[in-house]
Amino acid sequence: MFRIEEEVNQDRKDLVEDRLEDSNSARSAVLHRIRDTVADDERPVQAYALDEAGELAGGLVGYAWGHWLHVDLLWVDERHRGAGLGTRLMATAERRARDELGCLNSRVETWGFQAPRFYEKLGYRIVGVVEDYPPGETDHLLVKRLTED
């Protein structure tokens, strides 16, 4: 007999995360090898563009983990779109991830109304599509190799 609880509980969340990491490391030689190494630590990757007045014109927020750059957020103010700012932010993050953090690849998710074509122009390729997420939209997963083979 089990009792299911729905409360938000940070201690239990951390315990579940630790136990899942233990389980995954036991079942995957790759995850076992990177466990407790620098590649296993999520390291922030952030880049911000400020205009002449010091106001935020764009920004990228992500992290490095497992030799991958994970781009979580990329935003450019409407007034500055089309001027190459998004490309510069991505290039800055990719360079840092590759040269300083040892990332081999990069990944990003974007909705169809956002920027899948933008990322494709930067060399990303669509590897997954989730239709109707959320209902009425399409989510795209794109990846890019950051190093030459």
Protein backbone atom coordinates (compact mmCIF):
# COMPACT_ATOMS: atom_id res chain seq x y z
CA MET A 1 0.00 0.00 0.00
CA PHE A 2 1.33 3.43 -0.95
CA ARG A 3 0.22 6.95 -0.12
CA ILE A 4 0.62 9.52 -2.90
CA GLU A 5 1.33 13.10 -1.84
CA GLU A 6 1.18 16.12 -4.16
CA GLU A 7 2.87 18.76 -2.03
CA VAL A 8 5.78 20.77 -3.38
CA ASN A 9 8.77 19.58 -1.37
CA GLN A 10 12.32 20.65 -2.28
CA ASP A 11 14.00 18.01 -0.09
CA ARG A 12 12.07 15.21 -1.77
CA LYS A 13 12.68 16.72 -5.20
CA ASP A 14 16.43 16.75 -4.51
CA LEU A 15 16.29 13.15 -3.27
CA VAL A 16 14.43 12.00 -6.39
CA GLU A 17 16.99 13.81 -8.55
CA ASP A 18 19.91 12.19 -6.69
CA ARG A 19 18.38 8.73 -6.91
CA LEU A 20 17.60 9.11 -10.61
CA GLU A 21 21.19 10.21 -11.26
CA ASP A 22 22.43 7.12 -9.36
CA SER A 23 20.11 4.88 -11.35
CA ASN A 24 21.06 6.47 -14.68
CA SER A 25 24.79 6.23 -13.89
CA ALA A 26 24.39 2.54 -13.08
CA ARG A 27 22.68 1.88 -16.43
CA SER A 28 24.70 4.14 -18.76
CA ALA A 29 28.46 3.90 -19.15
CA VAL A 30 28.49 7.40 -20.64
CA LEU A 31 26.64 8.97 -17.72
CA HIS A 32 28.78 6.97 -15.30
CA ARG A 33 31.97 8.37 -16.91
CA ILE A 34 30.88 12.01 -16.66
CA ARG A 35 29.37 11.68 -13.18
CA ASP A 36 31.11 14.01 -10.73
CA THR A 37 33.29 15.55 -13.44
CA VAL A 38 33.20 19.11 -14.73
CA ALA A 39 30.96 17.90 -17.59
CA ASP A 40 28.36 16.86 -15.00
CA ASP A 41 28.09 20.34 -13.51
CA GLU A 42 25.57 22.70 -15.07
CA ARG A 43 27.54 25.84 -15.83
CA PRO A 44 25.66 28.99 -16.81
CA VAL A 45 26.10 30.47 -20.26
CA GLN A 46 24.70 33.97 -20.63
CA ALA A 47 25.19 36.84 -23.07
CA TYR A 48 23.44 40.19 -23.03
CA ALA A 49 23.34 43.03 -25.56
CA LEU A 50 22.95 46.55 -24.25
CA ASP A 51 22.09 49.54 -26.42
CA GLU A 52 23.86 52.91 -26.30
CA ALA A 53 21.71 53.98 -23.33
CA GLY A 54 22.61 50.80 -21.43
CA GLU A 55 19.16 49.28 -21.90
CA LEU A 56 18.75 45.58 -22.56
CA ALA A 57 18.39 45.00 -26.30
CA GLY A 58 18.70 41.22 -26.26
CA GLY A 59 19.86 38.29 -24.26
CA LEU A 60 20.69 34.62 -24.27
CA VAL A 61 20.39 32.36 -21.23
CA GLY A 62 21.51 28.76 -21.20
CA TYR A 63 23.89 26.31 -19.60
CA ALA A 64 26.57 23.78 -20.41
CA TRP A 65 26.10 20.18 -19.32
CA GLY A 66 27.34 16.85 -20.66
CA HIS A 67 29.52 18.53 -23.30
CA TRP A 68 26.41 20.25 -24.70
CA LEU A 69 25.30 23.85 -24.78
CA HIS A 70 21.61 24.06 -23.87
CA VAL A 71 20.11 27.34 -25.08
CA ASP A 72 17.06 27.98 -22.91
CA LEU A 73 16.18 31.56 -23.82
CA LEU A 74 17.06 33.89 -26.68
CA TRP A 75 15.31 37.23 -27.01
CA VAL A 76 15.97 40.33 -29.10
CA ASP A 77 13.92 43.49 -28.72
CA GLU A 78 11.61 44.04 -31.72
CA ARG A 79 13.38 47.35 -32.50
CA HIS A 80 16.71 45.57 -33.01
CA ARG A 81 15.60 42.45 -34.91
CA GLY A 82 17.14 41.92 -38.32
CA ALA A 83 20.38 43.66 -37.37
CA GLY A 84 22.30 40.47 -36.58
CA LEU A 85 22.04 40.77 -32.81
CA GLY A 86 20.58 37.29 -32.30
CA THR A 87 23.35 35.84 -34.46
CA ARG A 88 25.98 37.65 -32.40
CA LEU A 89 24.47 36.43 -29.12
CA MET A 90 24.39 32.84 -30.40
CA ALA A 91 27.97 33.06 -31.69
CA THR A 92 29.14 34.43 -28.33
CA ALA A 93 27.44 31.61 -26.41
CA GLU A 94 28.64 28.91 -28.83
CA ARG A 95 32.23 30.18 -28.68
CA ARG A 96 32.27 30.22 -24.88
CA ALA A 97 30.61 26.82 -24.68
CA ARG A 98 33.08 25.29 -27.14
CA ASP A 99 36.33 27.06 -26.17
CA GLU A 100 35.92 27.52 -22.42
CA LEU A 101 33.45 24.85 -21.33
CA GLY A 102 34.34 21.95 -23.62
CA CYS A 103 30.98 21.64 -25.36
CA LEU A 104 30.89 19.59 -28.53
CA ASN A 105 27.28 20.30 -29.52
CA SER A 106 24.44 22.72 -28.95
CA ARG A 107 20.68 22.28 -28.67
CA VAL A 108 17.72 24.62 -28.62
CA GLU A 109 13.94 24.34 -28.64
CA THR A 110 11.75 26.87 -30.41
CA TRP A 111 8.14 27.10 -31.48
CA GLY A 112 7.20 27.36 -35.13
CA PHE A 113 6.13 30.99 -34.75
CA GLN A 114 9.44 31.89 -33.13
CA ALA A 115 12.65 31.07 -34.95
CA PRO A 116 13.27 27.59 -36.38
CA ARG A 117 14.49 29.12 -39.69
CA PHE A 118 16.82 31.49 -37.81
CA TYR A 119 18.53 28.55 -36.10
CA GLU A 120 18.72 26.59 -39.36
CA LYS A 121 20.55 29.56 -40.94
CA LEU A 122 23.07 29.26 -38.09
CA GLY A 123 23.73 25.61 -38.96
CA TYR A 124 21.25 23.93 -36.64
CA ARG A 125 19.15 21.07 -37.93
CA ILE A 126 15.71 19.99 -36.78
CA VAL A 127 15.87 16.58 -35.10
CA GLY A 128 12.48 16.54 -33.44
CA VAL A 129 9.04 18.08 -33.73
CA VAL A 130 6.23 17.94 -31.19
CA GLU A 131 2.91 18.82 -32.76
CA ASP A 132 0.22 20.57 -30.77
CA TYR A 133 2.56 21.59 -27.90
CA PRO A 134 0.86 23.55 -26.51
CA PRO A 135 -2.38 22.91 -28.39
CA GLY A 136 -2.23 24.83 -31.65
CA GLU A 137 1.58 25.25 -31.71
CA THR A 138 4.53 23.13 -32.84
CA ASP A 139 7.73 22.73 -30.83
CA HIS A 140 11.03 22.13 -32.66
CA LEU A 141 14.23 20.63 -31.25
CA LEU A 142 17.34 21.70 -33.15
CA VAL A 143 20.98 20.64 -32.72
CA LYS A 144 24.34 21.78 -34.04
CA ARG A 145 27.85 20.37 -33.87
CA LEU A 146 30.19 23.01 -32.37
CA THR A 147 33.47 21.30 -33.24
CA GLU A 148 34.87 20.04 -36.51
CA ASP A 149 35.18 16.28 -36.77
